[in-house]
């Protein structure tokens, strides 16, 4: 992509291009009243990201094992949480920034209504992000194999996870290369 994904300009009509980054947007929608603790896991390019995006010091978790993949970042976030003080963790991926506050609210509402181990959005027949993992599955996430990542936990809970259908395509869009970015800018 030419620069860290977290610092890429968020494709929006409301903001001046280049002023709001992917990470700025994701942090802004993680301000739901039921989200009591924000963690931003940094690894590669941590200094560049911290320089470009304003983050509170207590939000930042450095993942020295970032080369192991996304699961290592989820594990770093879980380890950083105050012991026993969270009901779950909502995982936002920086390359899935086209998420709205509405989706976040819908997922949180469904999580608290059902207390399911995993709550995730769907767009058509595609599962998307962000995903809520109940604190009850933290141990499984911490023990999951890096080769399969958090998907191993999702697969283990196929019959008791909750899918929340949405008409918002952004939950399933991975902005991972210049071509996908050109579609939204």
N, C-alpha and C. Protein backbone atom coordinates (compact mmCIF):
# COMPACT_ATOMS: atom_id res chain seq x y z
N UNK A 1 0.83 -1.20 0.00
CA UNK A 1 0.00 0.00 0.00
C UNK A 1 0.87 1.26 0.00
N UNK A 2 2.15 1.13 0.24
CA UNK A 2 3.04 2.28 0.21
C UNK A 2 3.23 2.97 1.55
N UNK A 3 2.34 2.73 2.49
CA UNK A 3 2.46 3.26 3.84
C UNK A 3 1.62 2.37 4.76
N UNK A 4 1.81 2.48 6.07
CA UNK A 4 1.02 1.64 6.97
C UNK A 4 -0.48 1.86 6.75
N UNK A 5 -1.24 0.79 6.72
CA UNK A 5 -2.68 0.89 6.48
C UNK A 5 -3.36 1.80 7.50
N UNK A 6 -2.89 1.76 8.72
CA UNK A 6 -3.50 2.58 9.78
C UNK A 6 -3.46 4.06 9.44
N UNK A 7 -2.48 4.50 8.65
CA UNK A 7 -2.33 5.92 8.35
C UNK A 7 -2.92 6.33 7.01
N UNK A 8 -3.51 5.40 6.30
CA UNK A 8 -4.12 5.73 5.01
C UNK A 8 -5.33 6.63 5.22
N UNK A 9 -5.59 7.53 4.27
CA UNK A 9 -6.76 8.41 4.42
C UNK A 9 -8.06 7.62 4.31
N UNK A 10 -8.94 7.88 5.25
CA UNK A 10 -10.24 7.21 5.27
C UNK A 10 -11.10 7.79 4.15
N UNK A 11 -11.68 6.93 3.32
CA UNK A 11 -12.50 7.41 2.20
C UNK A 11 -13.88 7.85 2.67
N UNK A 12 -14.05 9.14 2.87
CA UNK A 12 -15.33 9.64 3.36
C UNK A 12 -15.68 10.97 2.69
N UNK A 13 -16.95 11.23 2.58
CA UNK A 13 -17.43 12.49 2.02
C UNK A 13 -17.37 13.61 3.06
N UNK A 14 -17.51 13.24 4.34
CA UNK A 14 -17.64 14.24 5.38
C UNK A 14 -16.32 14.90 5.78
N UNK A 15 -15.23 14.22 5.61
CA UNK A 15 -13.95 14.73 6.08
C UNK A 15 -13.09 15.21 4.91
N UNK A 16 -12.19 16.10 5.22
CA UNK A 16 -11.23 16.54 4.22
C UNK A 16 -10.31 15.37 3.92
N UNK A 17 -10.13 15.03 2.63
CA UNK A 17 -9.26 13.90 2.30
C UNK A 17 -7.89 14.01 2.96
N UNK A 18 -7.43 12.90 3.50
CA UNK A 18 -6.12 12.86 4.12
C UNK A 18 -6.09 13.28 5.57
N UNK A 19 -7.15 13.84 6.09
CA UNK A 19 -7.16 14.30 7.48
C UNK A 19 -7.56 13.20 8.45
N UNK A 20 -8.44 12.32 8.02
CA UNK A 20 -8.91 11.22 8.86
C UNK A 20 -8.31 9.93 8.31
N UNK A 21 -7.63 9.19 9.17
CA UNK A 21 -7.00 7.94 8.74
C UNK A 21 -7.92 6.76 9.03
N UNK A 22 -7.55 5.60 8.47
CA UNK A 22 -8.29 4.37 8.79
C UNK A 22 -8.38 4.23 10.31
N UNK A 23 -7.25 4.37 10.99
CA UNK A 23 -7.23 4.18 12.44
C UNK A 23 -8.02 5.24 13.17
N UNK A 24 -7.93 6.51 12.74
CA UNK A 24 -8.74 7.57 13.35
C UNK A 24 -10.23 7.17 13.33
N UNK A 25 -10.67 6.71 12.17
CA UNK A 25 -12.08 6.35 12.02
C UNK A 25 -12.46 5.19 12.95
N UNK A 26 -11.64 4.16 12.96
CA UNK A 26 -11.97 2.99 13.79
C UNK A 26 -11.99 3.36 15.28
N UNK A 27 -11.05 4.18 15.71
CA UNK A 27 -11.05 4.61 17.11
C UNK A 27 -12.31 5.44 17.40
N UNK A 28 -12.71 6.28 16.45
CA UNK A 28 -13.88 7.12 16.70
C UNK A 28 -15.16 6.30 16.85
N UNK A 29 -15.29 5.19 16.12
CA UNK A 29 -16.51 4.39 16.26
C UNK A 29 -16.43 3.41 17.42
N UNK A 30 -15.27 3.33 18.04
CA UNK A 30 -15.11 2.48 19.23
C UNK A 30 -15.40 3.27 20.50
N UNK A 31 -16.13 4.36 20.37
CA UNK A 31 -16.46 5.18 21.54
C UNK A 31 -17.86 4.88 22.07
N UNK A 32 -18.41 3.76 21.71
CA UNK A 32 -19.72 3.34 22.18
C UNK A 32 -19.71 3.27 23.72
N UNK A 33 -20.80 3.66 24.36
CA UNK A 33 -20.83 3.65 25.84
C UNK A 33 -20.54 2.29 26.48
N UNK A 34 -20.79 1.20 25.77
CA UNK A 34 -20.53 -0.13 26.32
C UNK A 34 -19.07 -0.57 26.11
N UNK A 35 -18.31 0.20 25.35
CA UNK A 35 -16.90 -0.10 25.17
C UNK A 35 -16.13 0.70 26.22
N UNK A 36 -15.71 0.01 27.25
CA UNK A 36 -15.09 0.69 28.38
C UNK A 36 -13.59 0.82 28.29
N UNK A 37 -12.99 0.13 27.36
CA UNK A 37 -11.54 0.08 27.30
C UNK A 37 -11.12 -0.06 25.84
N UNK A 38 -10.30 0.85 25.36
CA UNK A 38 -9.83 0.80 23.98
C UNK A 38 -8.37 0.37 23.98
N UNK A 39 -8.05 -0.52 23.07
CA UNK A 39 -6.67 -0.94 22.88
C UNK A 39 -6.36 -0.85 21.39
N UNK A 40 -5.23 -0.26 21.05
CA UNK A 40 -4.74 -0.21 19.68
C UNK A 40 -3.43 -0.96 19.68
N UNK A 41 -3.43 -2.09 19.01
CA UNK A 41 -2.24 -2.94 19.00
C UNK A 41 -1.38 -2.54 17.81
N UNK A 42 -0.15 -2.18 18.12
CA UNK A 42 0.81 -1.77 17.10
C UNK A 42 1.96 -2.76 17.03
N UNK A 43 2.49 -2.90 15.85
CA UNK A 43 3.64 -3.78 15.65
C UNK A 43 4.56 -3.13 14.64
N UNK A 44 4.47 -3.60 13.40
CA UNK A 44 5.26 -2.99 12.33
C UNK A 44 4.88 -1.52 12.20
N UNK A 45 5.84 -0.67 11.99
CA UNK A 45 5.61 0.76 11.77
C UNK A 45 4.95 1.46 12.96
N UNK A 46 5.15 0.95 14.14
CA UNK A 46 4.52 1.54 15.33
C UNK A 46 4.85 3.01 15.48
N UNK A 47 6.10 3.39 15.29
CA UNK A 47 6.49 4.80 15.45
C UNK A 47 5.81 5.69 14.42
N UNK A 48 5.75 5.25 13.17
CA UNK A 48 5.08 6.03 12.13
C UNK A 48 3.60 6.23 12.46
N UNK A 49 2.98 5.18 12.92
CA UNK A 49 1.55 5.25 13.24
C UNK A 49 1.33 6.19 14.42
N UNK A 50 2.13 6.06 15.47
CA UNK A 50 1.98 6.93 16.64
C UNK A 50 2.23 8.38 16.27
N UNK A 51 3.11 8.63 15.33
CA UNK A 51 3.40 9.99 14.90
C UNK A 51 2.22 10.58 14.11
N UNK A 52 1.53 9.75 13.35
CA UNK A 52 0.46 10.22 12.45
C UNK A 52 -0.91 10.24 13.11
N UNK A 53 -1.17 9.32 14.02
CA UNK A 53 -2.49 9.19 14.63
C UNK A 53 -2.37 9.49 16.13
N UNK A 54 -3.21 10.37 16.60
CA UNK A 54 -3.21 10.71 18.03
C UNK A 54 -3.90 9.60 18.81
N UNK A 55 -3.13 9.00 19.68
CA UNK A 55 -3.65 7.91 20.51
C UNK A 55 -3.30 8.18 21.96
N UNK A 56 -4.22 7.86 22.84
CA UNK A 56 -3.91 7.96 24.27
C UNK A 56 -2.89 6.89 24.62
N UNK A 57 -1.95 7.24 25.47
CA UNK A 57 -0.89 6.30 25.84
C UNK A 57 -1.43 4.99 26.39
N UNK A 58 -2.50 5.06 27.20
CA UNK A 58 -3.02 3.83 27.80
C UNK A 58 -3.80 2.97 26.81
N UNK A 59 -4.01 3.44 25.60
CA UNK A 59 -4.66 2.64 24.56
C UNK A 59 -3.65 1.77 23.83
N UNK A 60 -2.41 2.18 23.81
CA UNK A 60 -1.41 1.54 22.96
C UNK A 60 -0.83 0.28 23.59
N UNK A 61 -0.86 -0.78 22.81
CA UNK A 61 -0.24 -2.05 23.18
C UNK A 61 0.73 -2.37 22.06
N UNK A 62 1.99 -2.55 22.40
CA UNK A 62 2.96 -2.93 21.38
C UNK A 62 3.04 -4.44 21.33
N UNK A 63 2.92 -4.99 20.14
CA UNK A 63 3.00 -6.43 19.93
C UNK A 63 4.35 -6.77 19.31
N UNK A 64 5.31 -7.23 20.10
CA UNK A 64 6.61 -7.56 19.53
C UNK A 64 6.57 -8.79 18.63
N UNK A 65 5.48 -9.55 18.70
CA UNK A 65 5.35 -10.76 17.87
C UNK A 65 4.44 -10.54 16.66
N UNK A 66 4.35 -9.30 16.19
CA UNK A 66 3.44 -8.95 15.10
C UNK A 66 3.67 -9.78 13.85
N UNK A 67 4.86 -10.27 13.63
CA UNK A 67 5.14 -11.08 12.44
C UNK A 67 4.38 -12.41 12.46
N UNK A 68 3.88 -12.81 13.63
CA UNK A 68 3.11 -14.05 13.74
C UNK A 68 1.68 -13.90 13.20
N UNK A 69 1.25 -12.66 12.95
CA UNK A 69 -0.07 -12.44 12.37
C UNK A 69 -1.07 -11.81 13.32
N UNK A 70 -2.31 -11.68 12.82
CA UNK A 70 -3.37 -10.99 13.54
C UNK A 70 -3.67 -11.61 14.90
N UNK A 71 -3.62 -12.92 14.99
CA UNK A 71 -3.93 -13.56 16.26
C UNK A 71 -2.98 -13.07 17.36
N UNK A 72 -1.72 -12.86 17.03
CA UNK A 72 -0.77 -12.39 18.05
C UNK A 72 -1.17 -11.01 18.56
N UNK A 73 -1.78 -10.21 17.72
CA UNK A 73 -2.26 -8.89 18.16
C UNK A 73 -3.49 -9.01 19.05
N UNK A 74 -4.38 -9.92 18.70
CA UNK A 74 -5.55 -10.16 19.56
C UNK A 74 -5.08 -10.65 20.92
N UNK A 75 -4.12 -11.55 20.92
CA UNK A 75 -3.58 -12.07 22.18
C UNK A 75 -2.92 -10.97 23.00
N UNK A 76 -2.18 -10.08 22.35
CA UNK A 76 -1.55 -8.96 23.06
C UNK A 76 -2.62 -8.06 23.68
N UNK A 77 -3.70 -7.82 22.94
CA UNK A 77 -4.79 -6.98 23.46
C UNK A 77 -5.43 -7.64 24.68
N UNK A 78 -5.71 -8.93 24.59
CA UNK A 78 -6.33 -9.64 25.72
C UNK A 78 -5.43 -9.58 26.94
N UNK A 79 -4.14 -9.81 26.75
CA UNK A 79 -3.20 -9.78 27.89
C UNK A 79 -3.10 -8.40 28.52
N UNK A 80 -3.41 -7.35 27.76
CA UNK A 80 -3.31 -5.99 28.28
C UNK A 80 -4.53 -5.55 29.07
N UNK A 81 -5.61 -6.31 29.00
CA UNK A 81 -6.85 -5.92 29.66
C UNK A 81 -6.76 -6.10 31.17
N UNK A 82 -7.43 -5.22 31.91
CA UNK A 82 -7.48 -5.41 33.35
C UNK A 82 -8.15 -6.75 33.67
N UNK A 83 -7.57 -7.52 34.53
CA UNK A 83 -8.04 -8.87 34.84
C UNK A 83 -9.50 -8.88 35.29
N UNK A 84 -10.29 -9.70 34.61
CA UNK A 84 -11.69 -9.92 35.00
C UNK A 84 -12.60 -8.73 34.82
N UNK A 85 -12.17 -7.70 34.11
CA UNK A 85 -13.00 -6.50 34.05
C UNK A 85 -13.74 -6.30 32.73
N UNK A 86 -13.64 -7.25 31.81
CA UNK A 86 -14.34 -7.06 30.54
C UNK A 86 -15.29 -8.22 30.27
N UNK A 87 -16.36 -7.89 29.58
CA UNK A 87 -17.33 -8.91 29.17
C UNK A 87 -16.91 -9.57 27.88
N UNK A 88 -16.11 -8.84 27.09
CA UNK A 88 -15.67 -9.36 25.81
C UNK A 88 -14.74 -8.37 25.14
N UNK A 89 -14.32 -8.74 23.94
CA UNK A 89 -13.43 -7.88 23.16
C UNK A 89 -14.00 -7.76 21.75
N UNK A 90 -14.11 -6.52 21.28
CA UNK A 90 -14.57 -6.28 19.91
C UNK A 90 -13.32 -6.01 19.09
N UNK A 91 -13.09 -6.86 18.10
CA UNK A 91 -11.87 -6.80 17.31
C UNK A 91 -12.16 -6.08 15.99
N UNK A 92 -11.50 -4.94 15.82
CA UNK A 92 -11.56 -4.18 14.58
C UNK A 92 -10.26 -4.42 13.83
N UNK A 93 -10.33 -4.71 12.55
CA UNK A 93 -9.13 -4.88 11.74
C UNK A 93 -8.89 -3.61 10.94
N UNK A 94 -7.66 -3.16 10.91
CA UNK A 94 -7.35 -1.89 10.25
C UNK A 94 -7.62 -1.93 8.75
N UNK A 95 -7.59 -3.11 8.14
CA UNK A 95 -7.87 -3.18 6.71
C UNK A 95 -9.36 -3.40 6.40
N UNK A 96 -10.18 -3.29 7.44
CA UNK A 96 -11.65 -3.30 7.29
C UNK A 96 -12.19 -2.01 7.94
N UNK A 97 -11.86 -0.84 7.38
CA UNK A 97 -12.24 0.40 8.05
C UNK A 97 -13.64 0.91 7.74
N UNK A 98 -14.32 0.34 6.76
CA UNK A 98 -15.61 0.89 6.33
C UNK A 98 -16.75 0.40 7.21
N UNK A 99 -16.56 0.58 8.49
CA UNK A 99 -17.53 0.15 9.50
C UNK A 99 -18.21 1.41 10.04
N UNK A 100 -19.49 1.29 10.36
CA UNK A 100 -20.23 2.44 10.89
C UNK A 100 -20.57 2.23 12.37
N UNK A 101 -20.91 3.33 13.01
CA UNK A 101 -21.36 3.27 14.41
C UNK A 101 -22.59 2.38 14.53
N UNK A 102 -23.45 2.38 13.52
CA UNK A 102 -24.67 1.57 13.55
C UNK A 102 -24.33 0.09 13.67
N UNK A 103 -23.37 -0.38 12.89
CA UNK A 103 -22.95 -1.78 12.95
C UNK A 103 -22.40 -2.09 14.33
N UNK A 104 -21.56 -1.22 14.85
CA UNK A 104 -20.99 -1.42 16.19
C UNK A 104 -22.11 -1.54 17.22
N UNK A 105 -23.07 -0.63 17.18
CA UNK A 105 -24.19 -0.66 18.13
C UNK A 105 -25.02 -1.93 17.98
N UNK A 106 -25.31 -2.34 16.74
CA UNK A 106 -26.10 -3.55 16.51
C UNK A 106 -25.39 -4.79 17.08
N UNK A 107 -24.07 -4.88 16.86
CA UNK A 107 -23.32 -6.03 17.37
C UNK A 107 -23.30 -6.05 18.89
N UNK A 108 -23.07 -4.89 19.49
CA UNK A 108 -23.03 -4.82 20.95
C UNK A 108 -24.39 -5.16 21.55
N UNK A 109 -25.45 -4.63 20.95
CA UNK A 109 -26.81 -4.93 21.42
C UNK A 109 -27.08 -6.44 21.37
N UNK A 110 -26.72 -7.08 20.27
CA UNK A 110 -26.95 -8.53 20.11
C UNK A 110 -26.08 -9.32 21.10
N UNK A 111 -24.85 -8.86 21.32
CA UNK A 111 -23.96 -9.54 22.26
C UNK A 111 -24.57 -9.54 23.66
N UNK A 112 -25.03 -8.39 24.12
CA UNK A 112 -25.59 -8.32 25.47
C UNK A 112 -26.95 -9.00 25.58
N UNK A 113 -27.69 -9.04 24.48
CA UNK A 113 -29.00 -9.71 24.50
C UNK A 113 -28.85 -11.23 24.54
N UNK A 114 -27.79 -11.76 23.92
CA UNK A 114 -27.65 -13.21 23.79
C UNK A 114 -26.54 -13.81 24.66
N UNK A 115 -25.54 -13.00 24.99
CA UNK A 115 -24.34 -13.48 25.71
C UNK A 115 -23.66 -14.62 24.96
N UNK A 116 -23.78 -14.59 23.64
CA UNK A 116 -23.13 -15.61 22.79
C UNK A 116 -21.62 -15.48 22.90
N UNK A 117 -20.89 -16.57 22.68
CA UNK A 117 -19.43 -16.50 22.76
C UNK A 117 -18.80 -15.66 21.65
N UNK A 118 -19.49 -15.59 20.50
CA UNK A 118 -18.99 -14.83 19.36
C UNK A 118 -20.19 -14.19 18.66
N UNK A 119 -20.04 -12.90 18.34
CA UNK A 119 -21.07 -12.18 17.58
C UNK A 119 -20.35 -11.50 16.43
N UNK A 120 -20.86 -11.72 15.21
CA UNK A 120 -20.22 -11.11 14.05
C UNK A 120 -21.25 -10.68 13.02
N UNK A 121 -20.89 -9.69 12.19
CA UNK A 121 -21.83 -9.23 11.18
C UNK A 121 -21.74 -10.08 9.92
N UNK A 122 -22.83 -10.10 9.17
CA UNK A 122 -22.83 -10.74 7.86
C UNK A 122 -23.40 -9.77 6.84
N UNK A 123 -22.85 -9.85 5.65
CA UNK A 123 -23.36 -9.09 4.51
C UNK A 123 -23.62 -10.13 3.43
N UNK A 124 -24.88 -10.35 3.11
CA UNK A 124 -25.22 -11.44 2.21
C UNK A 124 -24.77 -12.74 2.84
N UNK A 125 -23.99 -13.53 2.11
CA UNK A 125 -23.52 -14.79 2.68
C UNK A 125 -22.09 -14.70 3.20
N UNK A 126 -21.58 -13.47 3.34
CA UNK A 126 -20.21 -13.28 3.81
C UNK A 126 -20.17 -12.82 5.27
N UNK A 127 -19.31 -13.45 6.04
CA UNK A 127 -19.07 -12.99 7.40
C UNK A 127 -18.09 -11.82 7.34
N UNK A 128 -18.22 -10.92 8.31
CA UNK A 128 -17.38 -9.74 8.27
C UNK A 128 -16.80 -9.35 9.62
N UNK A 129 -16.47 -8.08 9.71
CA UNK A 129 -15.83 -7.49 10.90
C UNK A 129 -16.54 -6.20 11.23
N UNK A 130 -16.48 -5.79 12.47
CA UNK A 130 -15.73 -6.33 13.60
C UNK A 130 -16.42 -7.56 14.21
N UNK A 131 -15.66 -8.28 15.00
CA UNK A 131 -16.16 -9.48 15.67
C UNK A 131 -16.04 -9.26 17.17
N UNK A 132 -17.09 -9.67 17.89
CA UNK A 132 -17.03 -9.64 19.34
C UNK A 132 -16.78 -11.06 19.84
N UNK A 133 -15.75 -11.20 20.67
CA UNK A 133 -15.45 -12.45 21.35
C UNK A 133 -15.75 -12.25 22.83
N UNK A 134 -16.57 -13.11 23.39
CA UNK A 134 -16.87 -13.06 24.82
C UNK A 134 -15.62 -13.36 25.63
N UNK A 135 -15.57 -12.81 26.83
CA UNK A 135 -14.45 -13.10 27.73
C UNK A 135 -14.37 -14.61 28.00
N UNK A 136 -15.47 -15.32 27.84
CA UNK A 136 -15.49 -16.77 28.06
C UNK A 136 -14.58 -17.51 27.08
N UNK A 137 -14.24 -16.89 25.94
CA UNK A 137 -13.37 -17.56 24.96
C UNK A 137 -11.95 -16.97 24.92
N UNK A 138 -11.62 -16.11 25.87
CA UNK A 138 -10.26 -15.55 25.90
C UNK A 138 -9.21 -16.66 25.96
N UNK A 139 -9.45 -17.65 26.80
CA UNK A 139 -8.49 -18.76 26.91
C UNK A 139 -8.30 -19.48 25.58
N UNK A 140 -9.38 -19.67 24.86
CA UNK A 140 -9.29 -20.32 23.54
C UNK A 140 -8.50 -19.45 22.55
N UNK A 141 -8.72 -18.14 22.60
CA UNK A 141 -7.97 -17.24 21.73
C UNK A 141 -6.48 -17.25 22.08
N UNK A 142 -6.19 -17.28 23.37
CA UNK A 142 -4.79 -17.29 23.80
C UNK A 142 -4.09 -18.60 23.42
N UNK A 143 -4.86 -19.67 23.31
CA UNK A 143 -4.27 -20.98 22.99
C UNK A 143 -4.40 -21.36 21.51
N UNK A 144 -5.06 -20.55 20.73
CA UNK A 144 -5.30 -20.89 19.31
C UNK A 144 -3.99 -20.96 18.54
N UNK A 145 -3.94 -21.83 17.54
CA UNK A 145 -2.73 -21.92 16.72
C UNK A 145 -2.60 -20.70 15.81
N UNK A 146 -1.40 -20.18 15.71
CA UNK A 146 -1.18 -19.00 14.87
C UNK A 146 -1.47 -19.28 13.40
N UNK A 147 -1.31 -20.51 12.98
CA UNK A 147 -1.54 -20.85 11.56
C UNK A 147 -3.00 -20.61 11.16
N UNK A 148 -3.95 -20.89 12.05
CA UNK A 148 -5.36 -20.68 11.73
C UNK A 148 -5.92 -19.43 12.38
N UNK A 149 -5.26 -18.94 13.41
CA UNK A 149 -5.67 -17.70 14.04
C UNK A 149 -7.01 -17.80 14.76
N UNK A 150 -7.68 -16.66 14.87
CA UNK A 150 -8.95 -16.59 15.59
C UNK A 150 -10.04 -17.41 14.89
N UNK A 151 -9.83 -17.72 13.61
CA UNK A 151 -10.81 -18.57 12.89
C UNK A 151 -10.99 -19.90 13.60
N UNK A 152 -9.93 -20.40 14.24
CA UNK A 152 -10.04 -21.68 14.96
C UNK A 152 -11.10 -21.59 16.04
N UNK A 153 -11.17 -20.46 16.71
CA UNK A 153 -12.17 -20.26 17.77
C UNK A 153 -13.56 -20.09 17.15
N UNK A 154 -13.62 -19.36 16.06
CA UNK A 154 -14.91 -19.20 15.37
C UNK A 154 -15.42 -20.56 14.92
N UNK A 155 -14.55 -21.37 14.32
CA UNK A 155 -14.96 -22.71 13.86
C UNK A 155 -15.41 -23.58 15.03
N UNK A 156 -14.76 -23.46 16.16
CA UNK A 156 -15.12 -24.26 17.34
C UNK A 156 -16.49 -23.88 17.89
N UNK A 157 -16.96 -22.68 17.54
CA UNK A 157 -18.25 -22.20 18.06
C UNK A 157 -19.28 -21.99 16.95
N UNK A 158 -19.16 -22.77 15.87
CA UNK A 158 -20.07 -22.64 14.74
C UNK A 158 -21.54 -22.71 15.15
N UNK A 159 -21.85 -23.51 16.16
CA UNK A 159 -23.25 -23.74 16.51
C UNK A 159 -23.78 -22.80 17.57
N UNK A 160 -22.90 -22.04 18.21
CA UNK A 160 -23.42 -21.12 19.22
C UNK A 160 -22.99 -19.67 19.01
N UNK A 161 -22.41 -19.38 17.86
CA UNK A 161 -22.12 -17.98 17.56
C UNK A 161 -23.36 -17.33 16.97
N UNK A 162 -23.39 -16.01 17.00
CA UNK A 162 -24.54 -15.27 16.48
C UNK A 162 -24.08 -14.43 15.30
N UNK A 163 -24.79 -14.54 14.20
CA UNK A 163 -24.55 -13.72 13.03
C UNK A 163 -25.59 -12.60 13.01
N UNK A 164 -25.12 -11.39 12.76
CA UNK A 164 -26.00 -10.23 12.72
C UNK A 164 -26.01 -9.70 11.28
N UNK A 165 -27.09 -9.98 10.54
CA UNK A 165 -27.15 -9.51 9.15
C UNK A 165 -27.18 -7.98 9.08
N UNK A 166 -26.52 -7.44 8.08
CA UNK A 166 -26.52 -6.00 7.85
C UNK A 166 -26.55 -5.74 6.35
N UNK A 167 -27.04 -4.57 6.00
CA UNK A 167 -27.02 -4.15 4.59
C UNK A 167 -25.76 -3.34 4.29
N UNK A 168 -24.88 -3.23 5.26
CA UNK A 168 -23.67 -2.43 5.10
C UNK A 168 -22.53 -3.31 4.57
N UNK A 169 -22.20 -3.11 3.31
CA UNK A 169 -21.17 -3.90 2.65
C UNK A 169 -19.80 -3.74 3.31
N UNK A 170 -19.56 -2.62 3.97
CA UNK A 170 -18.26 -2.35 4.58
C UNK A 170 -17.79 -3.41 5.55
N UNK A 171 -18.70 -4.17 6.16
CA UNK A 171 -18.29 -5.20 7.10
C UNK A 171 -17.50 -6.32 6.42
N UNK A 172 -17.71 -6.47 5.12
CA UNK A 172 -17.06 -7.56 4.38
C UNK A 172 -15.95 -7.08 3.44
N UNK A 173 -15.70 -5.78 3.41
CA UNK A 173 -14.71 -5.24 2.49
C UNK A 173 -13.34 -5.12 3.13
N UNK A 174 -12.39 -5.75 2.50
CA UNK A 174 -11.00 -5.73 2.95
C UNK A 174 -10.23 -4.79 2.03
N UNK A 175 -9.83 -3.64 2.56
CA UNK A 175 -9.06 -2.68 1.77
C UNK A 175 -7.58 -2.99 1.95
N UNK A 176 -7.12 -3.90 1.14
CA UNK A 176 -5.80 -4.48 1.38
C UNK A 176 -4.79 -4.21 0.26
N UNK A 177 -5.23 -3.51 -0.78
CA UNK A 177 -4.31 -3.24 -1.89
C UNK A 177 -4.75 -1.95 -2.58
N UNK A 178 -3.87 -1.37 -3.39
CA UNK A 178 -4.19 -0.11 -4.05
C UNK A 178 -5.46 -0.17 -4.91
N UNK A 179 -5.72 -1.30 -5.55
CA UNK A 179 -6.92 -1.42 -6.38
C UNK A 179 -8.20 -1.29 -5.56
N UNK A 180 -8.26 -1.95 -4.42
CA UNK A 180 -9.46 -1.83 -3.58
C UNK A 180 -9.60 -0.41 -3.05
N UNK A 181 -8.49 0.27 -2.78
CA UNK A 181 -8.55 1.66 -2.32
C UNK A 181 -9.10 2.58 -3.42
N UNK A 182 -8.69 2.38 -4.66
CA UNK A 182 -9.14 3.25 -5.76
C UNK A 182 -10.66 3.18 -5.91
N UNK A 183 -11.24 2.06 -5.58
CA UNK A 183 -12.69 1.89 -5.68
C UNK A 183 -13.43 2.83 -4.72
N UNK A 184 -12.80 3.21 -3.61
CA UNK A 184 -13.48 4.01 -2.57
C UNK A 184 -12.96 5.42 -2.43
N UNK A 185 -12.01 5.82 -3.26
CA UNK A 185 -11.49 7.19 -3.14
C UNK A 185 -11.79 8.00 -4.39
